[in-house]
């Protein structure tokens, strides 16, 4: 599975668990998760390449307990587990 498909899978899951996903240009290296007025928001930097967007999204979502009981594409699950063990 290519990175663009992995990213799309992860963003879809984020929306399914109630995260607001906002894709905006942020200079090519931005993006991440924040809480604003009680809402969880994931910013995705549209100025960044796919690898950077994916890496930032994995890092932002890796610690979310909501992912434990959800189906993740095996490659995405592996990337999240790798991030958690090597950060």
N, C-alpha and C. Protein backbone atom coordinates (compact mmCIF):
# COMPACT_ATOMS: atom_id res chain seq x y z
N UNK A 1 0.86 -1.17 0.00
CA UNK A 1 0.00 0.00 0.00
C UNK A 1 0.90 1.24 0.00
N UNK A 2 0.65 2.17 -0.91
CA UNK A 2 1.49 3.37 -0.99
C UNK A 2 1.15 4.36 0.14
N UNK A 3 2.03 5.33 0.33
CA UNK A 3 1.86 6.29 1.43
C UNK A 3 0.59 7.12 1.31
N UNK A 4 0.22 7.51 0.11
CA UNK A 4 -0.99 8.31 -0.05
C UNK A 4 -2.22 7.52 0.41
N UNK A 5 -2.26 6.23 0.12
CA UNK A 5 -3.37 5.38 0.56
C UNK A 5 -3.35 5.19 2.06
N UNK A 6 -2.17 5.02 2.63
CA UNK A 6 -2.05 4.90 4.08
C UNK A 6 -2.53 6.17 4.76
N UNK A 7 -2.12 7.31 4.23
CA UNK A 7 -2.53 8.59 4.79
C UNK A 7 -4.05 8.73 4.72
N UNK A 8 -4.63 8.43 3.59
CA UNK A 8 -6.09 8.53 3.43
C UNK A 8 -6.80 7.63 4.42
N UNK A 9 -6.30 6.42 4.61
CA UNK A 9 -6.88 5.49 5.56
C UNK A 9 -6.85 6.05 6.98
N UNK A 10 -5.73 6.63 7.35
CA UNK A 10 -5.58 7.20 8.69
C UNK A 10 -6.45 8.43 8.89
N UNK A 11 -6.57 9.26 7.87
CA UNK A 11 -7.42 10.45 7.98
C UNK A 11 -8.90 10.07 8.07
N UNK A 12 -9.29 9.06 7.33
CA UNK A 12 -10.66 8.57 7.41
C UNK A 12 -10.96 8.05 8.82
N UNK A 13 -10.04 7.30 9.37
CA UNK A 13 -10.20 6.80 10.72
C UNK A 13 -10.29 7.94 11.73
N UNK A 14 -9.45 8.95 11.56
CA UNK A 14 -9.49 10.10 12.46
C UNK A 14 -10.88 10.71 12.48
N UNK A 15 -11.47 10.89 11.33
CA UNK A 15 -12.82 11.45 11.26
C UNK A 15 -13.84 10.52 11.90
N UNK A 16 -13.66 9.22 11.73
CA UNK A 16 -14.60 8.25 12.30
C UNK A 16 -14.59 8.27 13.83
N UNK A 17 -13.45 8.59 14.42
CA UNK A 17 -13.38 8.62 15.89
C UNK A 17 -13.64 10.03 16.44
N UNK A 18 -14.06 10.94 15.58
CA UNK A 18 -14.48 12.25 16.04
C UNK A 18 -13.44 13.35 15.99
N UNK A 19 -12.35 13.12 15.31
CA UNK A 19 -11.32 14.15 15.15
C UNK A 19 -11.68 15.02 13.94
N UNK A 20 -11.63 16.32 14.12
CA UNK A 20 -11.83 17.23 12.98
C UNK A 20 -10.53 17.28 12.20
N UNK A 21 -10.57 16.97 10.93
CA UNK A 21 -9.38 17.00 10.08
C UNK A 21 -9.44 18.27 9.24
N UNK A 22 -8.38 19.06 9.34
CA UNK A 22 -8.29 20.30 8.56
C UNK A 22 -7.03 20.26 7.72
N UNK A 23 -7.20 20.30 6.43
CA UNK A 23 -6.07 20.30 5.50
C UNK A 23 -5.84 21.74 5.06
N UNK A 24 -4.68 22.28 5.43
CA UNK A 24 -4.35 23.66 5.11
C UNK A 24 -2.85 23.79 4.83
N UNK A 25 -2.46 24.73 3.99
CA UNK A 25 -1.03 24.95 3.77
C UNK A 25 -0.40 25.57 5.01
N UNK A 26 0.70 24.97 5.46
CA UNK A 26 1.36 25.44 6.68
C UNK A 26 2.87 25.55 6.49
N UNK A 27 3.31 25.74 5.29
CA UNK A 27 4.73 25.94 5.06
C UNK A 27 5.54 24.70 4.74
N UNK A 28 4.92 23.54 4.74
CA UNK A 28 5.63 22.33 4.34
C UNK A 28 6.16 21.48 5.46
N UNK A 29 6.14 21.96 6.69
CA UNK A 29 6.65 21.15 7.79
C UNK A 29 5.72 21.14 8.99
N UNK A 30 4.53 21.69 8.84
CA UNK A 30 3.61 21.80 9.96
C UNK A 30 2.68 20.61 10.06
N UNK A 31 1.66 20.83 10.84
CA UNK A 31 0.66 19.79 11.04
C UNK A 31 0.79 19.18 12.42
N UNK A 32 -0.30 18.60 12.86
CA UNK A 32 -0.30 17.95 14.16
C UNK A 32 -1.68 18.01 14.79
N UNK A 33 -1.74 17.52 16.00
CA UNK A 33 -2.99 17.40 16.73
C UNK A 33 -3.06 18.45 17.82
N UNK A 34 -4.25 19.03 18.01
CA UNK A 34 -4.43 19.97 19.11
C UNK A 34 -5.86 19.90 19.60
N UNK A 35 -6.10 20.46 20.77
CA UNK A 35 -7.45 20.58 21.30
C UNK A 35 -7.80 22.06 21.30
N UNK A 36 -8.98 22.35 20.77
CA UNK A 36 -9.42 23.74 20.67
C UNK A 36 -10.90 23.78 21.01
N UNK A 37 -11.23 24.49 22.06
CA UNK A 37 -12.62 24.63 22.51
C UNK A 37 -13.29 23.26 22.67
N UNK A 38 -12.56 22.33 23.28
CA UNK A 38 -13.10 21.02 23.56
C UNK A 38 -13.12 20.05 22.39
N UNK A 39 -12.64 20.46 21.25
CA UNK A 39 -12.61 19.60 20.06
C UNK A 39 -11.17 19.18 19.77
N UNK A 40 -11.01 17.98 19.28
CA UNK A 40 -9.70 17.51 18.85
C UNK A 40 -9.60 17.79 17.35
N UNK A 41 -8.53 18.48 16.97
CA UNK A 41 -8.34 18.88 15.58
C UNK A 41 -6.99 18.37 15.09
N UNK A 42 -7.00 17.76 13.93
CA UNK A 42 -5.77 17.31 13.29
C UNK A 42 -5.53 18.21 12.09
N UNK A 43 -4.45 18.97 12.14
CA UNK A 43 -4.06 19.81 11.01
C UNK A 43 -3.12 19.03 10.11
N UNK A 44 -3.43 19.01 8.83
CA UNK A 44 -2.61 18.34 7.83
C UNK A 44 -2.06 19.42 6.90
N UNK A 45 -0.75 19.50 6.81
CA UNK A 45 -0.08 20.53 6.02
C UNK A 45 -0.08 20.16 4.54
N UNK A 46 -0.93 20.82 3.76
CA UNK A 46 -1.02 20.51 2.34
C UNK A 46 0.21 20.97 1.55
N UNK A 47 1.05 21.80 2.16
CA UNK A 47 2.28 22.23 1.48
C UNK A 47 3.41 21.21 1.65
N UNK A 48 3.21 20.23 2.52
CA UNK A 48 4.23 19.21 2.75
C UNK A 48 4.06 18.06 1.76
N UNK A 49 5.13 17.31 1.55
CA UNK A 49 5.03 16.13 0.70
C UNK A 49 4.26 15.03 1.43
N UNK A 50 3.87 14.02 0.71
CA UNK A 50 3.04 12.96 1.28
C UNK A 50 3.73 12.27 2.44
N UNK A 51 5.03 12.02 2.33
CA UNK A 51 5.76 11.35 3.40
C UNK A 51 5.73 12.17 4.69
N UNK A 52 5.91 13.46 4.58
CA UNK A 52 5.88 14.32 5.76
C UNK A 52 4.48 14.37 6.36
N UNK A 53 3.47 14.51 5.51
CA UNK A 53 2.09 14.52 6.01
C UNK A 53 1.76 13.22 6.73
N UNK A 54 2.18 12.10 6.15
CA UNK A 54 1.91 10.81 6.77
C UNK A 54 2.65 10.67 8.09
N UNK A 55 3.93 11.01 8.11
CA UNK A 55 4.71 10.90 9.34
C UNK A 55 4.12 11.75 10.46
N UNK A 56 3.72 12.97 10.14
CA UNK A 56 3.12 13.87 11.14
C UNK A 56 1.79 13.33 11.64
N UNK A 57 1.01 12.74 10.75
CA UNK A 57 -0.29 12.19 11.13
C UNK A 57 -0.11 10.96 12.01
N UNK A 58 0.82 10.09 11.66
CA UNK A 58 1.12 8.92 12.50
C UNK A 58 1.55 9.39 13.88
N UNK A 59 2.46 10.34 13.94
CA UNK A 59 2.95 10.83 15.23
C UNK A 59 1.82 11.43 16.06
N UNK A 60 0.93 12.16 15.41
CA UNK A 60 -0.16 12.81 16.12
C UNK A 60 -1.17 11.81 16.67
N UNK A 61 -1.42 10.75 15.94
CA UNK A 61 -2.47 9.82 16.33
C UNK A 61 -1.97 8.60 17.08
N UNK A 62 -0.68 8.39 17.13
CA UNK A 62 -0.13 7.15 17.68
C UNK A 62 -0.58 6.86 19.11
N UNK A 63 -0.70 7.85 19.93
CA UNK A 63 -1.04 7.61 21.33
C UNK A 63 -2.53 7.64 21.64
N UNK A 64 -3.36 7.74 20.63
CA UNK A 64 -4.80 7.84 20.86
C UNK A 64 -5.38 6.48 21.25
N UNK A 65 -5.96 6.39 22.44
CA UNK A 65 -6.50 5.09 22.88
C UNK A 65 -7.66 4.60 22.01
N UNK A 66 -8.33 5.49 21.32
CA UNK A 66 -9.43 5.10 20.44
C UNK A 66 -8.98 4.16 19.32
N UNK A 67 -7.69 4.17 19.00
CA UNK A 67 -7.19 3.32 17.92
C UNK A 67 -7.05 1.86 18.33
N UNK A 68 -6.98 1.62 19.63
CA UNK A 68 -6.74 0.26 20.12
C UNK A 68 -7.81 -0.72 19.67
N UNK A 69 -9.06 -0.29 19.63
CA UNK A 69 -10.16 -1.18 19.31
C UNK A 69 -10.69 -1.01 17.89
N UNK A 70 -9.95 -0.32 17.06
CA UNK A 70 -10.39 -0.05 15.69
C UNK A 70 -9.54 -0.85 14.71
N UNK A 71 -10.16 -1.18 13.59
CA UNK A 71 -9.40 -1.84 12.53
C UNK A 71 -8.51 -0.79 11.86
N UNK A 72 -7.25 -1.14 11.73
CA UNK A 72 -6.30 -0.33 10.97
C UNK A 72 -5.71 -1.21 9.89
N UNK A 73 -5.51 -0.64 8.72
CA UNK A 73 -4.81 -1.36 7.67
C UNK A 73 -3.49 -1.85 8.28
N UNK A 74 -3.11 -3.11 8.04
CA UNK A 74 -1.91 -3.65 8.69
C UNK A 74 -0.67 -2.78 8.56
N UNK A 75 -0.45 -2.17 7.40
CA UNK A 75 0.73 -1.31 7.24
C UNK A 75 0.66 -0.09 8.16
N UNK A 76 -0.53 0.46 8.32
CA UNK A 76 -0.70 1.63 9.18
C UNK A 76 -0.50 1.22 10.64
N UNK A 77 -1.09 0.10 11.04
CA UNK A 77 -0.91 -0.40 12.42
C UNK A 77 0.57 -0.60 12.70
N UNK A 78 1.29 -1.18 11.75
CA UNK A 78 2.72 -1.42 11.92
C UNK A 78 3.48 -0.10 12.05
N UNK A 79 3.14 0.89 11.25
CA UNK A 79 3.80 2.19 11.32
C UNK A 79 3.56 2.87 12.66
N UNK A 80 2.33 2.77 13.18
CA UNK A 80 2.02 3.35 14.48
C UNK A 80 2.79 2.64 15.58
N UNK A 81 2.80 1.32 15.54
CA UNK A 81 3.55 0.56 16.55
C UNK A 81 5.04 0.87 16.48
N UNK A 82 5.56 1.01 15.27
CA UNK A 82 6.98 1.36 15.11
C UNK A 82 7.24 2.74 15.72
N UNK A 83 6.37 3.69 15.46
CA UNK A 83 6.53 5.03 16.02
C UNK A 83 6.53 4.96 17.54
N UNK A 84 5.60 4.23 18.12
CA UNK A 84 5.49 4.16 19.59
C UNK A 84 6.71 3.50 20.24
N UNK A 85 7.33 2.55 19.57
CA UNK A 85 8.48 1.87 20.16
C UNK A 85 9.81 2.57 19.87
N UNK A 86 9.83 3.48 18.91
CA UNK A 86 11.10 4.12 18.53
C UNK A 86 11.14 5.63 18.68
N UNK A 87 10.20 6.19 19.37
CA UNK A 87 10.22 7.65 19.50
C UNK A 87 11.14 8.09 20.58
